[in-house]
Amino acid sequence: MTLNSSASAYLGQPETGRSSAASPLGKVYLVGAGPGDPGLLTVKAKTLIECADVVLCDALVSDPILQLINPRAERIHAGKRRGRHSMSQVEITQLLLQKAHEYAVVVRLKGGDPFVFGRGGEEMKDLIAAGVSVEVVPGITAGIAAPAYAGIPVTHRGYSSSVTFVTGHESAGKYRPNVDWQAIARASETIVVYMGVHNLPNITQSLIDAGLVPETPVALIRWGTRPEQEELVGTLANIGERVEETGFEAPAIAVIGRVVDLRSQLAPASPMHDEHWDAVQNTAPNS
């Protein structure tokens, strides 16, 4: 595949899609696709997606963003979801190395931000060790964007001056396998939990045991920033029951803290209800 000259200049890559003899290895870009709304892509991310020679896609990348991939590019699904791994992490890294020998522009497309619970650091470390040129392109993480689209600011004067991002799903081989919920409850007024729906009963009980009152507000946000976004609100005491009653499923972000109470005031002005933006898009030069 041949890149156009403007894209080549922007990316600093040769115009041919194949790596040249003078430069035997291509470059790997770890690109954050954001939480799902294609309008939240950075300019650099969008450019890379549109002109890449090969794209290795995560499971959580939304369909509208996948549609931006050049139809002539090789597309490989390398996503991992709970209990469903199309490839192991080792296989993904090996494939990135292989494609860097075949192509000039290799994109590893990840949901959210590659360096926020995305294992981007692991992939970058392995690629550097193998002598492959690699660059991270940050994306908007779901822990900020999904609450915003639900009308929940993660910090707000008088409500919260601190926020902690924590994973609700940890590797068994991690050097510190247990999250210190006591420390988190003491140090942060807003807690955002990634990948925690399946472990929610343990998380909520741990936070109550750590001193948070059972009435502490909790919001679960599924498919944040997408048209199918769903929200479920409760408290530390009852959110687990609410999940069972409604059949609410992962993937979802959990927001814990008083800022959740602002949702009733701010949600009507969130991007999910922005008809004015739809009108702006329809009048844009390229629409």
C-alpha atoms as a PDB file:
ATOM      1  CA  MET A   1       0.000   0.000   0.000  1.00  0.00           C
ATOM      2  CA  THR A   2       1.265   3.487  -0.804  1.00  0.00           C
ATOM      3  CA  LEU A   3       0.803   6.324   1.649  1.00  0.00           C
ATOM      4  CA  ASN A   4      -0.048   9.753   0.290  1.00  0.00           C
ATOM      5  CA  SER A   5       2.725  12.342   0.598  1.00  0.00           C
ATOM      6  CA  SER A   6       0.977  14.442   3.243  1.00  0.00           C
ATOM      7  CA  ALA A   7       0.424  11.437   5.486  1.00  0.00           C
ATOM      8  CA  SER A   8       4.016  10.296   4.950  1.00  0.00           C
ATOM      9  CA  ALA A   9       5.338  13.718   5.901  1.00  0.00           C
ATOM     10  CA  TYR A  10       3.085  13.869   8.950  1.00  0.00           C
ATOM     11  CA  LEU A  11       4.179  10.460  10.194  1.00  0.00           C
ATOM     12  CA  GLY A  12       7.805  10.682   9.129  1.00  0.00           C
ATOM     13  CA  GLN A  13       7.457   7.414   7.187  1.00  0.00           C
ATOM     14  CA  PRO A  14       8.399   6.395   3.639  1.00  0.00           C
ATOM     15  CA  GLU A  15       5.630   6.601   1.059  1.00  0.00           C
ATOM     16  CA  THR A  16       5.748   2.889   0.367  1.00  0.00           C
ATOM     17  CA  GLY A  17       3.914   0.588   2.718  1.00  0.00           C
ATOM     18  CA  ARG A  18       6.706  -1.995   2.711  1.00  0.00           C
ATOM     19  CA  SER A  19       9.830  -1.413   4.775  1.00  0.00           C
ATOM     20  CA  SER A  20      12.787  -0.500   2.559  1.00  0.00           C
ATOM     21  CA  ALA A  21      16.160  -2.219   2.502  1.00  0.00           C
ATOM     22  CA  ALA A  22      17.755   0.878   4.042  1.00  0.00           C
ATOM     23  CA  SER A  23      15.220   0.764   6.854  1.00  0.00           C
ATOM     24  CA  PRO A  24      14.457  -2.938   7.428  1.00  0.00           C
ATOM     25  CA  LEU A  25      11.991  -2.324  10.228  1.00  0.00           C
ATOM     26  CA  GLY A  26       8.811  -0.323  10.154  1.00  0.00           C
ATOM     27  CA  LYS A  27       7.447   1.674  13.054  1.00  0.00           C
ATOM     28  CA  VAL A  28       4.811   0.492  15.501  1.00  0.00           C
ATOM     29  CA  TYR A  29       2.302   3.000  16.853  1.00  0.00           C
ATOM     30  CA  LEU A  30       0.400   2.140  20.022  1.00  0.00           C
ATOM     31  CA  VAL A  31      -2.701   4.187  19.315  1.00  0.00           C
ATOM     32  CA  GLY A  32      -5.388   5.025  21.846  1.00  0.00           C
ATOM     33  CA  ALA A  33      -8.805   4.836  20.197  1.00  0.00           C
ATOM     34  CA  GLY A  34     -10.561   6.439  23.143  1.00  0.00           C
ATOM     35  CA  PRO A  35     -13.777   5.115  24.674  1.00  0.00           C
ATOM     36  CA  GLY A  36     -15.794   4.748  21.480  1.00  0.00           C
ATOM     37  CA  ASP A  37     -17.066   8.068  20.149  1.00  0.00           C
ATOM     38  CA  PRO A  38     -15.008   8.648  16.965  1.00  0.00           C
ATOM     39  CA  GLY A  39     -15.262  12.388  17.565  1.00  0.00           C
ATOM     40  CA  LEU A  40     -12.950  11.955  20.544  1.00  0.00           C
ATOM     41  CA  LEU A  41     -10.059  10.579  18.472  1.00  0.00           C
ATOM     42  CA  THR A  42      -6.970  12.756  18.367  1.00  0.00           C
ATOM     43  CA  VAL A  43      -5.934  14.104  14.969  1.00  0.00           C
ATOM     44  CA  LYS A  44      -2.808  11.950  15.045  1.00  0.00           C
ATOM     45  CA  ALA A  45      -4.755   8.802  15.932  1.00  0.00           C
ATOM     46  CA  LYS A  46      -7.209   9.363  13.087  1.00  0.00           C
ATOM     47  CA  THR A  47      -4.383   9.972  10.603  1.00  0.00           C
ATOM     48  CA  LEU A  48      -2.618   6.776  11.616  1.00  0.00           C
ATOM     49  CA  ILE A  49      -5.789   4.690  11.448  1.00  0.00           C
ATOM     50  CA  GLU A  50      -6.551   5.975   7.961  1.00  0.00           C
ATOM     51  CA  CYS A  51      -3.084   5.415   6.481  1.00  0.00           C
ATOM     52  CA  ALA A  52      -1.681   2.403   8.347  1.00  0.00           C
ATOM     53  CA  ASP A  53      -0.474  -0.613   6.397  1.00  0.00           C
ATOM     54  CA  VAL A  54      -1.710  -3.022   9.056  1.00  0.00           C
ATOM     55  CA  VAL A  55      -3.929  -2.514  12.117  1.00  0.00           C
ATOM     56  CA  LEU A  56      -4.104  -4.875  15.089  1.00  0.00           C
ATOM     57  CA  CYS A  57      -7.423  -4.066  16.766  1.00  0.00           C
ATOM     58  CA  ASP A  58      -8.526  -4.458  20.360  1.00  0.00           C
ATOM     59  CA  ALA A  59     -11.937  -5.903  21.192  1.00  0.00           C
ATOM     60  CA  LEU A  60     -13.188  -2.644  22.725  1.00  0.00           C
ATOM     61  CA  VAL A  61     -12.569  -0.430  19.678  1.00  0.00           C
ATOM     62  CA  SER A  62     -15.949   0.772  18.410  1.00  0.00           C
ATOM     63  CA  ASP A  63     -17.296  -0.034  14.937  1.00  0.00           C
ATOM     64  CA  PRO A  64     -17.347   3.623  13.748  1.00  0.00           C
ATOM     65  CA  ILE A  65     -13.619   3.841  14.477  1.00  0.00           C
ATOM     66  CA  LEU A  66     -12.897   0.511  12.789  1.00  0.00           C
ATOM     67  CA  GLN A  67     -14.662   1.861   9.705  1.00  0.00           C
ATOM     68  CA  LEU A  68     -11.959   4.533   9.435  1.00  0.00           C
ATOM     69  CA  ILE A  69      -9.321   1.896   8.667  1.00  0.00           C
ATOM     70  CA  ASN A  70      -8.128   2.030   5.066  1.00  0.00           C
ATOM     71  CA  PRO A  71      -9.899  -0.836   3.259  1.00  0.00           C
ATOM     72  CA  ARG A  72      -6.590  -1.826   1.646  1.00  0.00           C
ATOM     73  CA  ALA A  73      -4.865  -2.254   4.995  1.00  0.00           C
ATOM     74  CA  GLU A  74      -4.451  -5.635   6.624  1.00  0.00           C
ATOM     75  CA  ARG A  75      -6.756  -5.832   9.634  1.00  0.00           C
ATOM     76  CA  ILE A  76      -6.138  -8.265  12.485  1.00  0.00           C
ATOM     77  CA  HIS A  77      -8.416  -8.710  15.491  1.00  0.00           C
ATOM     78  CA  ALA A  78      -6.251  -9.188  18.554  1.00  0.00           C
ATOM     79  CA  GLY A  79      -8.737  -8.368  21.274  1.00  0.00           C
ATOM     80  CA  LYS A  80      -8.984  -9.765  24.763  1.00  0.00           C
ATOM     81  CA  ARG A  81     -12.194  -9.859  26.778  1.00  0.00           C
ATOM     82  CA  ARG A  82     -12.931 -11.694  30.005  1.00  0.00           C
ATOM     83  CA  GLY A  83     -12.798 -15.412  29.169  1.00  0.00           C
ATOM     84  CA  ARG A  84     -12.393 -14.730  25.431  1.00  0.00           C
ATOM     85  CA  HIS A  85      -8.872 -14.143  24.146  1.00  0.00           C
ATOM     86  CA  SER A  86      -8.361 -14.237  20.386  1.00  0.00           C
ATOM     87  CA  MET A  87      -4.603 -14.037  21.056  1.00  0.00           C
ATOM     88  CA  SER A  88      -2.370 -14.187  24.093  1.00  0.00           C
ATOM     89  CA  GLN A  89      -0.289 -11.143  25.006  1.00  0.00           C
ATOM     90  CA  VAL A  90       2.861 -12.978  23.900  1.00  0.00           C
ATOM     91  CA  GLU A  91       1.281 -13.782  20.527  1.00  0.00           C
ATOM     92  CA  ILE A  92       0.258 -10.147  20.048  1.00  0.00           C
ATOM     93  CA  THR A  93       3.785  -8.911  20.704  1.00  0.00           C
ATOM     94  CA  GLN A  94       5.260 -11.510  18.352  1.00  0.00           C
ATOM     95  CA  LEU A  95       2.808 -10.477  15.656  1.00  0.00           C
ATOM     96  CA  LEU A  96       3.736  -6.814  16.078  1.00  0.00           C
ATOM     97  CA  LEU A  97       7.382  -7.751  15.608  1.00  0.00           C
ATOM     98  CA  GLN A  98       6.538  -9.754  12.492  1.00  0.00           C
ATOM     99  CA  LYS A  99       4.486  -6.951  10.951  1.00  0.00           C
ATOM    100  CA  ALA A 100       7.222  -4.402  11.696  1.00  0.00           C
ATOM    101  CA  HIS A 101       9.442  -6.461   9.369  1.00  0.00           C
ATOM    102  CA  GLU A 102       6.756  -6.401   6.661  1.00  0.00           C
ATOM    103  CA  TYR A 103       5.302  -2.887   6.776  1.00  0.00           C
ATOM    104  CA  ALA A 104       6.325   0.720   7.326  1.00  0.00           C
ATOM    105  CA  VAL A 105       3.351   1.781   9.467  1.00  0.00           C
ATOM    106  CA  VAL A 106       2.015  -0.713  11.995  1.00  0.00           C
ATOM    107  CA  VAL A 107      -0.850   0.404  14.233  1.00  0.00           C
ATOM    108  CA  ARG A 108      -1.765  -1.363  17.446  1.00  0.00           C
ATOM    109  CA  LEU A 109      -5.226   0.085  18.061  1.00  0.00           C
ATOM    110  CA  LYS A 110      -6.318  -0.023  21.681  1.00  0.00           C
ATOM    111  CA  GLY A 111      -9.505   1.099  23.376  1.00  0.00           C
ATOM    112  CA  GLY A 112      -9.063   4.084  25.680  1.00  0.00           C
ATOM    113  CA  ASP A 113      -5.439   4.973  26.360  1.00  0.00           C
ATOM    114  CA  PRO A 114      -2.649   2.423  25.791  1.00  0.00           C
ATOM    115  CA  PHE A 115      -0.976   3.313  29.091  1.00  0.00           C
ATOM    116  CA  VAL A 116      -4.086   3.159  31.298  1.00  0.00           C
ATOM    117  CA  PHE A 117      -4.746  -0.519  32.057  1.00  0.00           C
ATOM    118  CA  GLY A 118      -4.052  -1.234  28.380  1.00  0.00           C
ATOM    119  CA  ARG A 119      -0.751  -3.140  28.680  1.00  0.00           C
ATOM    120  CA  GLY A 120       0.779  -0.614  26.319  1.00  0.00           C
ATOM    121  CA  GLY A 121       3.856  -0.290  28.504  1.00  0.00           C
ATOM    122  CA  GLU A 122       4.483  -4.035  28.270  1.00  0.00           C
ATOM    123  CA  GLU A 123       4.191  -4.022  24.486  1.00  0.00           C
ATOM    124  CA  MET A 124       6.404  -0.955  24.156  1.00  0.00           C
ATOM    125  CA  LYS A 125       9.070  -2.459  26.421  1.00  0.00           C
ATOM    126  CA  ASP A 126       9.186  -5.680  24.382  1.00  0.00           C
ATOM    127  CA  LEU A 127       9.313  -3.824  21.066  1.00  0.00           C
ATOM    128  CA  ILE A 128      12.146  -1.575  22.232  1.00  0.00           C
ATOM    129  CA  ALA A 129      14.061  -4.637  23.438  1.00  0.00           C
ATOM    130  CA  ALA A 130      13.646  -6.146  19.961  1.00  0.00           C
ATOM    131  CA  GLY A 131      15.020  -3.016  18.300  1.00  0.00           C
ATOM    132  CA  VAL A 132      11.709  -1.871  16.819  1.00  0.00           C
ATOM    133  CA  SER A 133      10.860   1.821  16.629  1.00  0.00           C
ATOM    134  CA  VAL A 134       7.688   2.425  18.622  1.00  0.00           C
ATOM    135  CA  GLU A 135       5.603   5.426  19.639  1.00  0.00           C
ATOM    136  CA  VAL A 136       2.581   5.822  21.886  1.00  0.00           C
ATOM    137  CA  VAL A 137      -0.346   7.972  20.754  1.00  0.00           C
ATOM    138  CA  PRO A 138      -2.428   8.725  23.852  1.00  0.00           C
ATOM    139  CA  GLY A 139      -6.197   8.383  23.804  1.00  0.00           C
ATOM    140  CA  ILE A 140      -8.935   9.631  26.091  1.00  0.00           C
ATOM    141  CA  THR A 141      -9.410   7.068  28.819  1.00  0.00           C
ATOM    142  CA  ALA A 142     -12.888   5.774  29.609  1.00  0.00           C
ATOM    143  CA  GLY A 143     -12.431   6.650  33.273  1.00  0.00           C
ATOM    144  CA  ILE A 144     -12.733  10.328  32.391  1.00  0.00           C
ATOM    145  CA  ALA A 145     -14.857  10.306  29.237  1.00  0.00           C
ATOM    146  CA  ALA A 146     -17.591   7.863  30.287  1.00  0.00           C
ATOM    147  CA  PRO A 147     -18.429   9.750  33.494  1.00  0.00           C
ATOM    148  CA  ALA A 148     -18.389  13.037  31.570  1.00  0.00           C
ATOM    149  CA  TYR A 149     -20.908  11.679  29.055  1.00  0.00           C
ATOM    150  CA  ALA A 150     -23.065  10.608  31.996  1.00  0.00           C
ATOM    151  CA  GLY A 151     -22.929  14.081  33.534  1.00  0.00           C
ATOM    152  CA  ILE A 152     -20.480  13.090  36.273  1.00  0.00           C
ATOM    153  CA  PRO A 153     -17.314  15.182  36.739  1.00  0.00           C
ATOM    154  CA  VAL A 154     -14.643  13.113  38.465  1.00  0.00           C
ATOM    155  CA  THR A 155     -13.529  16.224  40.368  1.00  0.00           C
ATOM    156  CA  HIS A 156     -15.742  19.128  41.425  1.00  0.00           C
ATOM    157  CA  ARG A 157     -15.245  21.981  43.868  1.00  0.00           C
ATOM    158  CA  GLY A 158     -16.907  21.154  47.154  1.00  0.00           C
ATOM    159  CA  TYR A 159     -17.340  17.496  46.206  1.00  0.00           C
ATOM    160  CA  SER A 160     -13.991  16.015  45.224  1.00  0.00           C
ATOM    161  CA  SER A 161     -10.459  17.335  44.844  1.00  0.00           C
ATOM    162  CA  SER A 162      -8.897  13.939  44.137  1.00  0.00           C
ATOM    163  CA  VAL A 163      -9.550  10.938  41.929  1.00  0.00           C
ATOM    164  CA  THR A 164      -8.024   7.465  41.852  1.00  0.00           C
ATOM    165  CA  PHE A 165      -8.114   5.090  38.888  1.00  0.00           C
ATOM    166  CA  VAL A 166      -7.917   1.440  39.896  1.00  0.00           C
ATOM    167  CA  THR A 167      -8.362  -1.892  38.174  1.00  0.00           C
ATOM    168  CA  GLY A 168     -11.001  -4.256  39.454  1.00  0.00           C
ATOM    169  CA  HIS A 169      -9.378  -7.175  37.655  1.00  0.00           C
ATOM    170  CA  GLU A 170      -5.794  -8.001  38.538  1.00  0.00           C
ATOM    171  CA  SER A 171      -3.302 -10.518  37.254  1.00  0.00           C
ATOM    172  CA  ALA A 172      -2.649 -13.406  39.639  1.00  0.00           C
ATOM    173  CA  GLY A 173       1.075 -13.055  38.993  1.00  0.00           C
ATOM    174  CA  LYS A 174       1.272  -9.369  39.893  1.00  0.00           C
ATOM    175  CA  TYR A 175       3.947  -8.503  42.453  1.00  0.00           C
ATOM    176  CA  ARG A 176       1.246  -6.918  44.636  1.00  0.00           C
ATOM    177  CA  PRO A 177      -1.862  -8.928  43.775  1.00  0.00           C
ATOM    178  CA  ASN A 178      -4.243  -7.130  46.150  1.00  0.00           C
ATOM    179  CA  VAL A 179      -5.491  -3.569  45.760  1.00  0.00           C
ATOM    180  CA  ASP A 180      -5.103  -1.631  49.007  1.00  0.00           C
ATOM    181  CA  TRP A 181      -8.707  -0.487  49.316  1.00  0.00           C
ATOM    182  CA  GLN A 182      -7.997   0.940  52.773  1.00  0.00           C
ATOM    183  CA  ALA A 183      -5.427   3.335  51.328  1.00  0.00           C
ATOM    184  CA  ILE A 184      -7.639   4.233  48.375  1.00  0.00           C
ATOM    185  CA  ALA A 185     -10.652   4.947  50.584  1.00  0.00           C
ATOM    186  CA  ARG A 186      -8.548   7.240  52.784  1.00  0.00           C
ATOM    187  CA  ALA A 187      -6.755   9.087  49.995  1.00  0.00           C
ATOM    188  CA  SER A 188      -9.357   9.711  47.299  1.00  0.00           C
ATOM    189  CA  GLU A 189     -12.774  11.357  47.193  1.00  0.00           C
ATOM    190  CA  THR A 190     -13.608   9.859  43.786  1.00  0.00           C
ATOM    191  CA  ILE A 191     -12.738   6.283  42.856  1.00  0.00           C
ATOM    192  CA  VAL A 192     -12.998   5.075  39.261  1.00  0.00           C
ATOM    193  CA  VAL A 193     -12.817   1.306  38.844  1.00  0.00           C
ATOM    194  CA  TYR A 194     -12.007  -0.295  35.492  1.00  0.00           C
ATOM    195  CA  MET A 195     -13.045  -3.867  34.703  1.00  0.00           C
ATOM    196  CA  GLY A 196     -14.747  -4.299  38.054  1.00  0.00           C
ATOM    197  CA  VAL A 197     -18.296  -5.462  37.326  1.00  0.00           C
ATOM    198  CA  HIS A 198     -17.580  -9.153  37.903  1.00  0.00           C
ATOM    199  CA  ASN A 199     -15.790  -8.379  41.160  1.00  0.00           C
ATOM    200  CA  LEU A 200     -18.198  -5.659  42.289  1.00  0.00           C
ATOM    201  CA  PRO A 201     -19.473  -7.345  45.496  1.00  0.00           C
ATOM    202  CA  ASN A 202     -15.916  -7.749  46.787  1.00  0.00           C
ATOM    203  CA  ILE A 203     -14.974  -4.204  45.801  1.00  0.00           C
ATOM    204  CA  THR A 204     -17.968  -2.545  47.448  1.00  0.00           C
ATOM    205  CA  GLN A 205     -17.606  -4.580  50.633  1.00  0.00           C
ATOM    206  CA  SER A 206     -13.886  -3.803  50.775  1.00  0.00           C
ATOM    207  CA  LEU A 207     -14.612  -0.079  50.541  1.00  0.00           C
ATOM    208  CA  ILE A 208     -17.269  -0.290  53.253  1.00  0.00           C
ATOM    209  CA  ASP A 209     -14.816  -2.207  55.436  1.00  0.00           C
ATOM    210  CA  ALA A 210     -12.283   0.539  54.699  1.00  0.00           C
ATOM    211  CA  GLY A 211     -14.583   3.163  56.184  1.00  0.00           C
ATOM    212  CA  LEU A 212     -16.764   4.468  53.348  1.00  0.00           C
ATOM    213  CA  VAL A 213     -20.399   4.746  54.358  1.00  0.00           C
ATOM    214  CA  PRO A 214     -22.743   2.224  52.698  1.00  0.00           C
ATOM    215  CA  GLU A 215     -24.758   5.131  51.271  1.00  0.00           C
ATOM    216  CA  THR A 216     -21.797   6.316  49.166  1.00  0.00           C
ATOM    217  CA  PRO A 217     -23.138   6.863  45.607  1.00  0.00           C
ATOM    218  CA  VAL A 218     -22.030   4.538  42.810  1.00  0.00           C
ATOM    219  CA  ALA A 219     -22.599   4.825  39.053  1.00  0.00           C
ATOM    220  CA  LEU A 220     -21.878   2.070  36.549  1.00  0.00           C
ATOM    221  CA  ILE A 221     -21.425   3.218  32.955  1.00  0.00           C
ATOM    222  CA  ARG A 222     -21.418   0.663  30.148  1.00  0.00           C
ATOM    223  CA  TRP A 223     -20.249   1.473  26.602  1.00  0.00           C
ATOM    224  CA  GLY A 224     -19.483   5.040  27.659  1.00  0.00           C
ATOM    225  CA  THR A 225     -19.637   7.766  24.952  1.00  0.00           C
ATOM    226  CA  ARG A 226     -21.358   5.428  22.478  1.00  0.00           C
ATOM    227  CA  PRO A 227     -24.993   5.670  21.342  1.00  0.00           C
ATOM    228  CA  GLU A 228     -25.738   2.494  23.334  1.00  0.00           C
ATOM    229  CA  GLN A 229     -24.345   3.950  26.587  1.00  0.00           C
ATOM    230  CA  GLU A 230     -26.118   2.570  29.667  1.00  0.00           C
ATOM    231  CA  GLU A 231     -25.983   3.792  33.253  1.00  0.00           C
ATOM    232  CA  LEU A 232     -26.951   2.189  36.539  1.00  0.00           C
ATOM    233  CA  VAL A 233     -26.886   4.200  39.761  1.00  0.00           C
ATOM    234  CA  GLY A 234     -26.990   2.988  43.339  1.00  0.00           C
ATOM    235  CA  THR A 235     -24.901   2.938  46.499  1.00  0.00           C
ATOM    236  CA  LEU A 236     -22.110   0.801  47.861  1.00  0.00           C
ATOM    237  CA  ALA A 237     -24.768  -1.072  49.811  1.00  0.00           C
ATOM    238  CA  ASN A 238     -27.137  -1.880  46.947  1.00  0.00           C
ATOM    239  CA  ILE A 239     -25.320  -1.607  43.609  1.00  0.00           C
ATOM    240  CA  GLY A 240     -24.573  -5.341  43.583  1.00  0.00           C
ATOM    241  CA  GLU A 241     -28.260  -6.162  43.980  1.00  0.00           C
ATOM    242  CA  ARG A 242     -29.146  -3.644  41.294  1.00  0.00           C
ATOM    243  CA  VAL A 243     -26.732  -5.332  38.876  1.00  0.00           C
ATOM    244  CA  GLU A 244     -28.391  -8.700  39.496  1.00  0.00           C
ATOM    245  CA  GLU A 245     -31.909  -7.272  39.196  1.00  0.00           C
ATOM    246  CA  THR A 246     -31.267  -5.451  35.918  1.00  0.00           C
ATOM    247  CA  GLY A 247     -28.840  -7.883  34.290  1.00  0.00           C
ATOM    248  CA  PHE A 248     -26.305  -5.084  33.859  1.00  0.00           C
ATOM    249  CA  GLU A 249     -23.171  -6.505  32.219  1.00  0.00           C
ATOM    250  CA  ALA A 250     -19.540  -5.676  31.621  1.00  0.00           C
ATOM    251  CA  PRO A 251     -17.668  -3.889  30.187  1.00  0.00           C
ATOM    252  CA  ALA A 252     -18.349  -0.908  32.408  1.00  0.00           C
ATOM    253  CA  ILE A 253     -16.673   1.774  34.464  1.00  0.00           C
ATOM    254  CA  ALA A 254     -17.661   2.227  38.109  1.00  0.00           C
ATOM    255  CA  VAL A 255     -17.585   5.736  39.586  1.00  0.00           C
ATOM    256  CA  ILE A 256     -17.715   5.871  43.373  1.00  0.00           C
ATOM    257  CA  GLY A 257     -18.127   9.068  45.376  1.00  0.00           C
ATOM    258  CA  ARG A 258     -20.283  12.128  45.998  1.00  0.00           C
ATOM    259  CA  VAL A 259     -19.686  13.440  42.461  1.00  0.00           C
ATOM    260  CA  VAL A 260     -22.223  10.854  41.266  1.00  0.00           C
ATOM    261  CA  ASP A 261     -24.936  13.009  42.866  1.00  0.00           C
ATOM    262  CA  LEU A 262     -24.173  15.767  40.333  1.00  0.00           C
ATOM    263  CA  ARG A 263     -25.497  13.550  37.560  1.00  0.00           C
ATOM    264  CA  SER A 264     -29.093  14.692  38.067  1.00  0.00           C
ATOM    265  CA  GLN A 265     -28.041  18.301  37.433  1.00  0.00           C
ATOM    266  CA  LEU A 266     -25.428  17.856  34.710  1.00  0.00           C
ATOM    267  CA  ALA A 267     -26.609  14.883  32.641  1.00  0.00           C
ATOM    268  CA  PRO A 268     -29.083  16.939  30.544  1.00  0.00           C
ATOM    269  CA  ALA A 269     -26.117  18.983  29.254  1.00  0.00           C
ATOM    270  CA  SER A 270     -23.872  15.987  28.535  1.00  0.00           C
ATOM    271  CA  PRO A 271     -22.733  15.163  24.969  1.00  0.00           C
ATOM    272  CA  MET A 272     -25.220  12.273  24.915  1.00  0.00           C
ATOM    273  CA  HIS A 273     -27.998  14.856  24.600  1.00  0.00           C
ATOM    274  CA  ASP A 274     -26.273  17.348  22.284  1.00  0.00           C
ATOM    275  CA  GLU A 275     -28.589  17.852  19.306  1.00  0.00           C
ATOM    276  CA  HIS A 276     -26.756  21.099  18.536  1.00  0.00           C
ATOM    277  CA  TRP A 277     -23.565  19.115  17.800  1.00  0.00           C
ATOM    278  CA  ASP A 278     -25.472  16.972  15.319  1.00  0.00           C
ATOM    279  CA  ALA A 279     -26.510  20.143  13.511  1.00  0.00           C
ATOM    280  CA  VAL A 280     -22.930  21.449  13.535  1.00  0.00           C
ATOM    281  CA  GLN A 281     -21.678  18.186  12.006  1.00  0.00           C
ATOM    282  CA  ASN A 282     -24.288  18.364   9.257  1.00  0.00           C
ATOM    283  CA  THR A 283     -23.074  21.826   8.232  1.00  0.00           C
ATOM    284  CA  ALA A 284     -19.348  20.995   8.366  1.00  0.00           C
ATOM    285  CA  PRO A 285     -17.460  21.294   5.027  1.00  0.00           C
ATOM    286  CA  ASN A 286     -16.782  17.543   4.753  1.00  0.00           C
ATOM    287  CA  SER A 287     -20.228  16.348   5.897  1.00  0.00           C
END
